[in-house]
């Protein structure tokens, strides 16, 4: 199962907009495998970072698939982002 989580989440996706969303709206962005769906992304993030995910949005761009994840109340995107390698 651990290998599956690492195959779904490729790396954190960091831009100015994603950093602003992390501070204001408690959201993180990740590049994910093209075959991953919302439920798989949610499960992988919850298992890997021991947090609760409120919502997952996915967009497909030229470079791949980006998942925007809103964390539930009580969990800080900045703390999770630090563990994910954003900083």
PDB file of N, CA and C in Angstrom:
ATOM      1  N   UNK A   1       0.817  -1.199   0.000  1.00  0.00           N
ATOM      2  CA  UNK A   1       0.000   0.000   0.000  1.00  0.00           C
ATOM      3  C   UNK A   1       0.855   1.256   0.000  1.00  0.00           C
ATOM      4  N   UNK A   2       2.013   1.220   0.668  1.00  0.00           N
ATOM      5  CA  UNK A   2       2.877   2.393   0.714  1.00  0.00           C
ATOM      6  C   UNK A   2       3.372   2.749  -0.676  1.00  0.00           C
ATOM      7  N   UNK A   3       3.723   1.748  -1.459  1.00  0.00           N
ATOM      8  CA  UNK A   3       4.199   2.025  -2.810  1.00  0.00           C
ATOM      9  C   UNK A   3       3.096   2.632  -3.654  1.00  0.00           C
ATOM     10  N   UNK A   4       1.868   2.207  -3.442  1.00  0.00           N
ATOM     11  CA  UNK A   4       0.740   2.749  -4.197  1.00  0.00           C
ATOM     12  C   UNK A   4       0.570   4.234  -3.913  1.00  0.00           C
ATOM     13  N   UNK A   5       0.667   4.631  -2.642  1.00  0.00           N
ATOM     14  CA  UNK A   5       0.519   6.042  -2.288  1.00  0.00           C
ATOM     15  C   UNK A   5       1.595   6.884  -2.944  1.00  0.00           C
ATOM     16  N   UNK A   6       2.815   6.362  -3.017  1.00  0.00           N
ATOM     17  CA  UNK A   6       3.898   7.123  -3.614  1.00  0.00           C
ATOM     18  C   UNK A   6       3.768   7.185  -5.130  1.00  0.00           C
ATOM     19  N   UNK A   7       3.075   6.229  -5.723  1.00  0.00           N
ATOM     20  CA  UNK A   7       2.853   6.284  -7.165  1.00  0.00           C
ATOM     21  C   UNK A   7       1.722   7.245  -7.515  1.00  0.00           C
ATOM     22  N   UNK A   8       0.763   7.435  -6.616  1.00  0.00           N
ATOM     23  CA  UNK A   8      -0.351   8.350  -6.873  1.00  0.00           C
ATOM     24  C   UNK A   8       0.122   9.793  -6.736  1.00  0.00           C
ATOM     25  N   UNK A   9       0.776  10.126  -5.613  1.00  0.00           N
ATOM     26  CA  UNK A   9       1.280  11.480  -5.380  1.00  0.00           C
ATOM     27  C   UNK A   9       2.707  11.571  -5.906  1.00  0.00           C
ATOM     28  N   UNK A  10       2.910  12.338  -6.960  1.00  0.00           N
ATOM     29  CA  UNK A  10       4.247  12.452  -7.543  1.00  0.00           C
ATOM     30  C   UNK A  10       5.096  13.456  -6.776  1.00  0.00           C
ATOM     31  N   UNK A  11       4.596  14.702  -6.626  1.00  0.00           N
ATOM     32  CA  UNK A  11       5.303  15.723  -5.860  1.00  0.00           C
ATOM     33  C   UNK A  11       4.373  16.901  -5.614  1.00  0.00           C
ATOM     34  N   UNK A  12       4.775  17.771  -4.693  1.00  0.00           N
ATOM     35  CA  UNK A  12       4.001  18.986  -4.420  1.00  0.00           C
ATOM     36  C   UNK A  12       4.161  19.936  -5.605  1.00  0.00           C
ATOM     37  N   UNK A  13       3.088  20.627  -5.937  1.00  0.00           N
ATOM     38  CA  UNK A  13       3.087  21.583  -7.045  1.00  0.00           C
ATOM     39  C   UNK A  13       3.073  22.979  -6.427  1.00  0.00           C
ATOM     40  N   UNK A  14       4.161  23.723  -6.604  1.00  0.00           N
ATOM     41  CA  UNK A  14       4.316  25.004  -5.925  1.00  0.00           C
ATOM     42  C   UNK A  14       4.369  26.143  -6.934  1.00  0.00           C
ATOM     43  N   UNK A  15       3.415  27.070  -6.805  1.00  0.00           N
ATOM     44  CA  UNK A  15       3.392  28.304  -7.581  1.00  0.00           C
ATOM     45  C   UNK A  15       3.026  29.435  -6.626  1.00  0.00           C
ATOM     46  N   UNK A  16       3.030  30.656  -7.103  1.00  0.00           N
ATOM     47  CA  UNK A  16       2.604  31.774  -6.261  1.00  0.00           C
ATOM     48  C   UNK A  16       1.145  31.606  -5.853  1.00  0.00           C
ATOM     49  N   UNK A  17       0.322  31.191  -6.784  1.00  0.00           N
ATOM     50  CA  UNK A  17      -1.094  31.002  -6.489  1.00  0.00           C
ATOM     51  C   UNK A  17      -1.299  29.890  -5.460  1.00  0.00           C
ATOM     52  N   UNK A  18      -0.575  28.791  -5.596  1.00  0.00           N
ATOM     53  CA  UNK A  18      -0.742  27.694  -4.640  1.00  0.00           C
ATOM     54  C   UNK A  18      -0.251  28.090  -3.249  1.00  0.00           C
ATOM     55  N   UNK A  19       0.792  28.912  -3.169  1.00  0.00           N
ATOM     56  CA  UNK A  19       1.261  29.382  -1.868  1.00  0.00           C
ATOM     57  C   UNK A  19       0.224  30.306  -1.229  1.00  0.00           C
ATOM     58  N   UNK A  20      -0.417  31.154  -2.024  1.00  0.00           N
ATOM     59  CA  UNK A  20      -1.464  32.039  -1.517  1.00  0.00           C
ATOM     60  C   UNK A  20      -2.659  31.225  -1.028  1.00  0.00           C
ATOM     61  N   UNK A  21      -3.052  30.203  -1.799  1.00  0.00           N
ATOM     62  CA  UNK A  21      -4.168  29.349  -1.394  1.00  0.00           C
ATOM     63  C   UNK A  21      -3.835  28.567  -0.133  1.00  0.00           C
ATOM     64  N   UNK A  22      -2.576  28.203   0.042  1.00  0.00           N
ATOM     65  CA  UNK A  22      -2.175  27.467   1.234  1.00  0.00           C
ATOM     66  C   UNK A  22      -2.380  28.336   2.473  1.00  0.00           C
ATOM     67  N   UNK A  23      -2.014  29.602   2.385  1.00  0.00           N
ATOM     68  CA  UNK A  23      -2.152  30.500   3.527  1.00  0.00           C
ATOM     69  C   UNK A  23      -3.590  30.924   3.762  1.00  0.00           C
ATOM     70  N   UNK A  24      -4.316  31.267   2.712  1.00  0.00           N
ATOM     71  CA  UNK A  24      -5.666  31.827   2.859  1.00  0.00           C
ATOM     72  C   UNK A  24      -6.767  30.778   2.990  1.00  0.00           C
ATOM     73  N   UNK A  25      -6.708  29.716   2.178  1.00  0.00           N
ATOM     74  CA  UNK A  25      -7.835  28.785   2.084  1.00  0.00           C
ATOM     75  C   UNK A  25      -7.514  27.371   2.545  1.00  0.00           C
ATOM     76  N   UNK A  26      -6.337  27.159   3.134  1.00  0.00           N
ATOM     77  CA  UNK A  26      -5.959  25.849   3.676  1.00  0.00           C
ATOM     78  C   UNK A  26      -5.953  24.770   2.583  1.00  0.00           C
ATOM     79  N   UNK A  27      -5.361  25.110   1.416  1.00  0.00           N
ATOM     80  CA  UNK A  27      -5.301  24.194   0.278  1.00  0.00           C
ATOM     81  C   UNK A  27      -3.855  23.876  -0.082  1.00  0.00           C
ATOM     82  N   UNK A  28      -3.653  22.687  -0.631  1.00  0.00           N
ATOM     83  CA  UNK A  28      -2.364  22.254  -1.162  1.00  0.00           C
ATOM     84  C   UNK A  28      -2.567  21.728  -2.574  1.00  0.00           C
ATOM     85  N   UNK A  29      -1.519  21.796  -3.391  1.00  0.00           N
ATOM     86  CA  UNK A  29      -1.591  21.244  -4.740  1.00  0.00           C
ATOM     87  C   UNK A  29      -0.492  20.207  -4.930  1.00  0.00           C
ATOM     88  N   UNK A  30      -0.860  19.117  -5.601  1.00  0.00           N
ATOM     89  CA  UNK A  30       0.070  18.022  -5.867  1.00  0.00           C
ATOM     90  C   UNK A  30      -0.041  17.603  -7.327  1.00  0.00           C
ATOM     91  N   UNK A  31       1.103  17.264  -7.928  1.00  0.00           N
ATOM     92  CA  UNK A  31       1.084  16.579  -9.210  1.00  0.00           C
ATOM     93  C   UNK A  31       0.769  15.128  -8.896  1.00  0.00           C
ATOM     94  N   UNK A  32      -0.182  14.554  -9.604  1.00  0.00           N
ATOM     95  CA  UNK A  32      -0.598  13.181  -9.339  1.00  0.00           C
ATOM     96  C   UNK A  32      -0.523  12.364 -10.624  1.00  0.00           C
ATOM     97  N   UNK A  33      -0.570  11.059 -10.457  1.00  0.00           N
ATOM     98  CA  UNK A  33      -0.566  10.151 -11.594  1.00  0.00           C
ATOM     99  C   UNK A  33      -1.804  10.401 -12.447  1.00  0.00           C
ATOM    100  N   UNK A  34      -1.663  10.307 -13.753  1.00  0.00           N
ATOM    101  CA  UNK A  34      -2.772  10.576 -14.673  1.00  0.00           C
ATOM    102  C   UNK A  34      -3.948   9.628 -14.480  1.00  0.00           C
ATOM    103  N   UNK A  35      -3.688   8.431 -13.975  1.00  0.00           N
ATOM    104  CA  UNK A  35      -4.756   7.440 -13.816  1.00  0.00           C
ATOM    105  C   UNK A  35      -5.479   7.554 -12.482  1.00  0.00           C
ATOM    106  N   UNK A  36      -4.998   8.399 -11.582  1.00  0.00           N
ATOM    107  CA  UNK A  36      -5.584   8.523 -10.243  1.00  0.00           C
ATOM    108  C   UNK A  36      -6.892   9.308 -10.292  1.00  0.00           C
ATOM    109  N   UNK A  37      -7.852   8.875  -9.472  1.00  0.00           N
ATOM    110  CA  UNK A  37      -9.110   9.618  -9.367  1.00  0.00           C
ATOM    111  C   UNK A  37      -9.162  10.330  -8.021  1.00  0.00           C
ATOM    112  N   UNK A  38     -10.262  11.057  -7.757  1.00  0.00           N
ATOM    113  CA  UNK A  38     -10.367  11.867  -6.546  1.00  0.00           C
ATOM    114  C   UNK A  38     -10.289  11.029  -5.274  1.00  0.00           C
ATOM    115  N   UNK A  39     -10.976   9.907  -5.265  1.00  0.00           N
ATOM    116  CA  UNK A  39     -11.000   9.058  -4.070  1.00  0.00           C
ATOM    117  C   UNK A  39      -9.608   8.509  -3.754  1.00  0.00           C
ATOM    118  N   UNK A  40      -8.864   8.118  -4.773  1.00  0.00           N
ATOM    119  CA  UNK A  40      -7.516   7.592  -4.562  1.00  0.00           C
ATOM    120  C   UNK A  40      -6.574   8.678  -4.045  1.00  0.00           C
ATOM    121  N   UNK A  41      -6.700   9.884  -4.585  1.00  0.00           N
ATOM    122  CA  UNK A  41      -5.861  10.995  -4.131  1.00  0.00           C
ATOM    123  C   UNK A  41      -6.180  11.316  -2.672  1.00  0.00           C
ATOM    124  N   UNK A  42      -7.465  11.375  -2.343  1.00  0.00           N
ATOM    125  CA  UNK A  42      -7.876  11.664  -0.966  1.00  0.00           C
ATOM    126  C   UNK A  42      -7.335  10.620   0.004  1.00  0.00           C
ATOM    127  N   UNK A  43      -7.478   9.358  -0.334  1.00  0.00           N
ATOM    128  CA  UNK A  43      -7.008   8.279   0.530  1.00  0.00           C
ATOM    129  C   UNK A  43      -5.481   8.329   0.689  1.00  0.00           C
ATOM    130  N   UNK A  44      -4.769   8.603  -0.405  1.00  0.00           N
ATOM    131  CA  UNK A  44      -3.307   8.647  -0.349  1.00  0.00           C
ATOM    132  C   UNK A  44      -2.825   9.786   0.550  1.00  0.00           C
ATOM    133  N   UNK A  45      -3.436  10.955   0.449  1.00  0.00           N
ATOM    134  CA  UNK A  45      -3.024  12.096   1.269  1.00  0.00           C
ATOM    135  C   UNK A  45      -3.359  11.856   2.733  1.00  0.00           C
ATOM    136  N   UNK A  46      -4.541  11.330   3.001  1.00  0.00           N
ATOM    137  CA  UNK A  46      -4.929  11.063   4.387  1.00  0.00           C
ATOM    138  C   UNK A  46      -4.020  10.015   5.028  1.00  0.00           C
ATOM    139  N   UNK A  47      -3.644   8.982   4.281  1.00  0.00           N
ATOM    140  CA  UNK A  47      -2.777   7.945   4.822  1.00  0.00           C
ATOM    141  C   UNK A  47      -1.338   8.424   4.987  1.00  0.00           C
ATOM    142  N   UNK A  48      -0.837   9.153   4.009  1.00  0.00           N
ATOM    143  CA  UNK A  48       0.568   9.557   4.029  1.00  0.00           C
ATOM    144  C   UNK A  48       0.851  10.662   5.038  1.00  0.00           C
ATOM    145  N   UNK A  49      -0.062  11.636   5.172  1.00  0.00           N
ATOM    146  CA  UNK A  49       0.182  12.788   6.037  1.00  0.00           C
ATOM    147  C   UNK A  49      -0.666  12.802   7.306  1.00  0.00           C
ATOM    148  N   UNK A  50      -1.439  11.767   7.574  1.00  0.00           N
ATOM    149  CA  UNK A  50      -2.282  11.651   8.762  1.00  0.00           C
ATOM    150  C   UNK A  50      -3.120  12.908   8.991  1.00  0.00           C
ATOM    151  N   UNK A  51      -3.932  13.254   8.002  1.00  0.00           N
ATOM    152  CA  UNK A  51      -4.811  14.409   8.091  1.00  0.00           C
ATOM    153  C   UNK A  51      -6.158  14.050   7.470  1.00  0.00           C
ATOM    154  N   UNK A  52      -7.116  14.952   7.571  1.00  0.00           N
ATOM    155  CA  UNK A  52      -8.431  14.761   6.958  1.00  0.00           C
ATOM    156  C   UNK A  52      -8.571  15.723   5.790  1.00  0.00           C
ATOM    157  N   UNK A  53      -9.074  15.219   4.682  1.00  0.00           N
ATOM    158  CA  UNK A  53      -9.261  16.011   3.478  1.00  0.00           C
ATOM    159  C   UNK A  53     -10.744  16.333   3.342  1.00  0.00           C
ATOM    160  N   UNK A  54     -11.063  17.620   3.147  1.00  0.00           N
ATOM    161  CA  UNK A  54     -12.445  18.036   2.976  1.00  0.00           C
ATOM    162  C   UNK A  54     -12.892  17.897   1.522  1.00  0.00           C
ATOM    163  N   UNK A  55     -12.018  18.265   0.581  1.00  0.00           N
ATOM    164  CA  UNK A  55     -12.420  18.269  -0.832  1.00  0.00           C
ATOM    165  C   UNK A  55     -11.203  18.119  -1.726  1.00  0.00           C
ATOM    166  N   UNK A  56     -11.391  17.454  -2.859  1.00  0.00           N
ATOM    167  CA  UNK A  56     -10.327  17.284  -3.853  1.00  0.00           C
ATOM    168  C   UNK A  56     -10.857  17.742  -5.207  1.00  0.00           C
ATOM    169  N   UNK A  57     -10.139  18.643  -5.838  1.00  0.00           N
ATOM    170  CA  UNK A  57     -10.430  19.061  -7.210  1.00  0.00           C
ATOM    171  C   UNK A  57      -9.249  18.658  -8.075  1.00  0.00           C
ATOM    172  N   UNK A  58      -9.536  18.179  -9.273  1.00  0.00           N
ATOM    173  CA  UNK A  58      -8.475  17.731 -10.177  1.00  0.00           C
ATOM    174  C   UNK A  58      -8.593  18.482 -11.499  1.00  0.00           C
ATOM    175  N   UNK A  59      -7.443  18.934 -12.000  1.00  0.00           N
ATOM    176  CA  UNK A  59      -7.412  19.558 -13.327  1.00  0.00           C
ATOM    177  C   UNK A  59      -6.302  18.917 -14.137  1.00  0.00           C
ATOM    178  N   UNK A  60      -6.552  18.786 -15.413  1.00  0.00           N
ATOM    179  CA  UNK A  60      -5.578  18.202 -16.323  1.00  0.00           C
ATOM    180  C   UNK A  60      -4.942  19.327 -17.129  1.00  0.00           C
ATOM    181  N   UNK A  61      -3.625  19.384 -17.073  1.00  0.00           N
ATOM    182  CA  UNK A  61      -2.861  20.389 -17.803  1.00  0.00           C
ATOM    183  C   UNK A  61      -1.886  19.672 -18.727  1.00  0.00           C
ATOM    184  N   UNK A  62      -1.186  20.415 -19.509  1.00  0.00           N
ATOM    185  CA  UNK A  62      -0.269  19.828 -20.478  1.00  0.00           C
ATOM    186  C   UNK A  62       0.811  18.971 -19.817  1.00  0.00           C
ATOM    187  N   UNK A  63       1.282  19.424 -18.657  1.00  0.00           N
ATOM    188  CA  UNK A  63       2.366  18.706 -17.985  1.00  0.00           C
ATOM    189  C   UNK A  63       1.892  17.519 -17.157  1.00  0.00           C
ATOM    190  N   UNK A  64       0.589  17.344 -16.986  1.00  0.00           N
ATOM    191  CA  UNK A  64       0.077  16.207 -16.223  1.00  0.00           C
ATOM    192  C   UNK A  64      -1.239  16.518 -15.539  1.00  0.00           C
ATOM    193  N   UNK A  65      -1.425  15.945 -14.385  1.00  0.00           N
ATOM    194  CA  UNK A  65      -2.665  16.093 -13.632  1.00  0.00           C
ATOM    195  C   UNK A  65      -2.339  16.735 -12.288  1.00  0.00           C
ATOM    196  N   UNK A  66      -3.078  17.792 -11.923  1.00  0.00           N
ATOM    197  CA  UNK A  66      -2.843  18.512 -10.680  1.00  0.00           C
ATOM    198  C   UNK A  66      -4.069  18.368  -9.790  1.00  0.00           C
ATOM    199  N   UNK A  67      -3.840  17.949  -8.550  1.00  0.00           N
ATOM    200  CA  UNK A  67      -4.925  17.821  -7.576  1.00  0.00           C
ATOM    201  C   UNK A  67      -4.811  18.953  -6.572  1.00  0.00           C
ATOM    202  N   UNK A  68      -5.901  19.708  -6.403  1.00  0.00           N
ATOM    203  CA  UNK A  68      -5.978  20.738  -5.379  1.00  0.00           C
ATOM    204  C   UNK A  68      -6.767  20.158  -4.223  1.00  0.00           C
ATOM    205  N   UNK A  69      -6.165  20.142  -3.052  1.00  0.00           N
ATOM    206  CA  UNK A  69      -6.738  19.462  -1.893  1.00  0.00           C
ATOM    207  C   UNK A  69      -7.024  20.482  -0.805  1.00  0.00           C
ATOM    208  N   UNK A  70      -8.282  20.554  -0.373  1.00  0.00           N
ATOM    209  CA  UNK A  70      -8.639  21.407   0.764  1.00  0.00           C
ATOM    210  C   UNK A  70      -8.674  20.529   2.003  1.00  0.00           C
ATOM    211  N   UNK A  71      -7.930  20.939   3.026  1.00  0.00           N
ATOM    212  CA  UNK A  71      -7.868  20.175   4.267  1.00  0.00           C
ATOM    213  C   UNK A  71      -9.028  20.549   5.179  1.00  0.00           C
ATOM    214  N   UNK A  72      -9.445  19.608   6.010  1.00  0.00           N
ATOM    215  CA  UNK A  72     -10.546  19.827   6.946  1.00  0.00           C
ATOM    216  C   UNK A  72     -10.101  20.776   8.054  1.00  0.00           C
ATOM    217  N   UNK A  73     -11.084  21.330   8.765  1.00  0.00           N
ATOM    218  CA  UNK A  73     -10.807  22.209   9.896  1.00  0.00           C
ATOM    219  C   UNK A  73      -9.962  21.474  10.929  1.00  0.00           C
ATOM    220  N   UNK A  74      -9.024  22.176  11.501  1.00  0.00           N
ATOM    221  CA  UNK A  74      -8.166  21.575  12.508  1.00  0.00           C
ATOM    222  C   UNK A  74      -6.834  21.086  11.969  1.00  0.00           C
ATOM    223  N   UNK A  75      -6.680  21.063  10.658  1.00  0.00           N
ATOM    224  CA  UNK A  75      -5.422  20.644  10.038  1.00  0.00           C
ATOM    225  C   UNK A  75      -4.857  21.828   9.260  1.00  0.00           C
ATOM    226  N   UNK A  76      -3.575  22.069   9.415  1.00  0.00           N
ATOM    227  CA  UNK A  76      -2.930  23.212   8.794  1.00  0.00           C
ATOM    228  C   UNK A  76      -2.225  22.804   7.500  1.00  0.00           C
ATOM    229  N   UNK A  77      -2.534  23.496   6.421  1.00  0.00           N
ATOM    230  CA  UNK A  77      -1.890  23.225   5.137  1.00  0.00           C
ATOM    231  C   UNK A  77      -0.408  23.574   5.193  1.00  0.00           C
ATOM    232  N   UNK A  78      -0.034  24.548   6.007  1.00  0.00           N
ATOM    233  CA  UNK A  78       1.374  24.925   6.117  1.00  0.00           C
ATOM    234  C   UNK A  78       2.185  23.816   6.784  1.00  0.00           C
ATOM    235  N   UNK A  79       1.612  23.162   7.799  1.00  0.00           N
ATOM    236  CA  UNK A  79       2.310  22.047   8.449  1.00  0.00           C
ATOM    237  C   UNK A  79       2.465  20.871   7.490  1.00  0.00           C
ATOM    238  N   UNK A  80       1.394  20.523   6.795  1.00  0.00           N
ATOM    239  CA  UNK A  80       1.428  19.414   5.850  1.00  0.00           C
ATOM    240  C   UNK A  80       2.358  19.764   4.689  1.00  0.00           C
ATOM    241  N   UNK A  81       2.308  21.009   4.230  1.00  0.00           N
ATOM    242  CA  UNK A  81       3.187  21.461   3.149  1.00  0.00           C
ATOM    243  C   UNK A  81       4.656  21.356   3.524  1.00  0.00           C
ATOM    244  N   UNK A  82       4.974  21.630   4.767  1.00  0.00           N
ATOM    245  CA  UNK A  82       6.358  21.474   5.238  1.00  0.00           C
ATOM    246  C   UNK A  82       6.811  20.027   5.153  1.00  0.00           C
ATOM    247  N   UNK A  83       5.917  19.108   5.510  1.00  0.00           N
ATOM    248  CA  UNK A  83       6.258  17.683   5.416  1.00  0.00           C
ATOM    249  C   UNK A  83       6.291  17.210   3.975  1.00  0.00           C
ATOM    250  N   UNK A  84       5.516  17.860   3.095  1.00  0.00           N
ATOM    251  CA  UNK A  84       5.462  17.449   1.689  1.00  0.00           C
ATOM    252  C   UNK A  84       6.606  18.022   0.862  1.00  0.00           C
ATOM    253  N   UNK A  85       7.372  18.933   1.431  1.00  0.00           N
ATOM    254  CA  UNK A  85       8.512  19.487   0.712  1.00  0.00           C
ATOM    255  C   UNK A  85       8.230  20.783  -0.012  1.00  0.00           C
ATOM    256  N   UNK A  86       7.204  21.517   0.409  1.00  0.00           N
ATOM    257  CA  UNK A  86       6.869  22.787  -0.236  1.00  0.00           C
ATOM    258  C   UNK A  86       7.899  23.849   0.133  1.00  0.00           C
ATOM    259  N   UNK A  87       8.328  23.862   1.375  1.00  0.00           N
ATOM    260  CA  UNK A  87       9.255  24.888   1.856  1.00  0.00           C
ATOM    261  C   UNK A  87      10.684  24.432   1.728  1.00  0.00           C
TER     262      UNK A  87
END
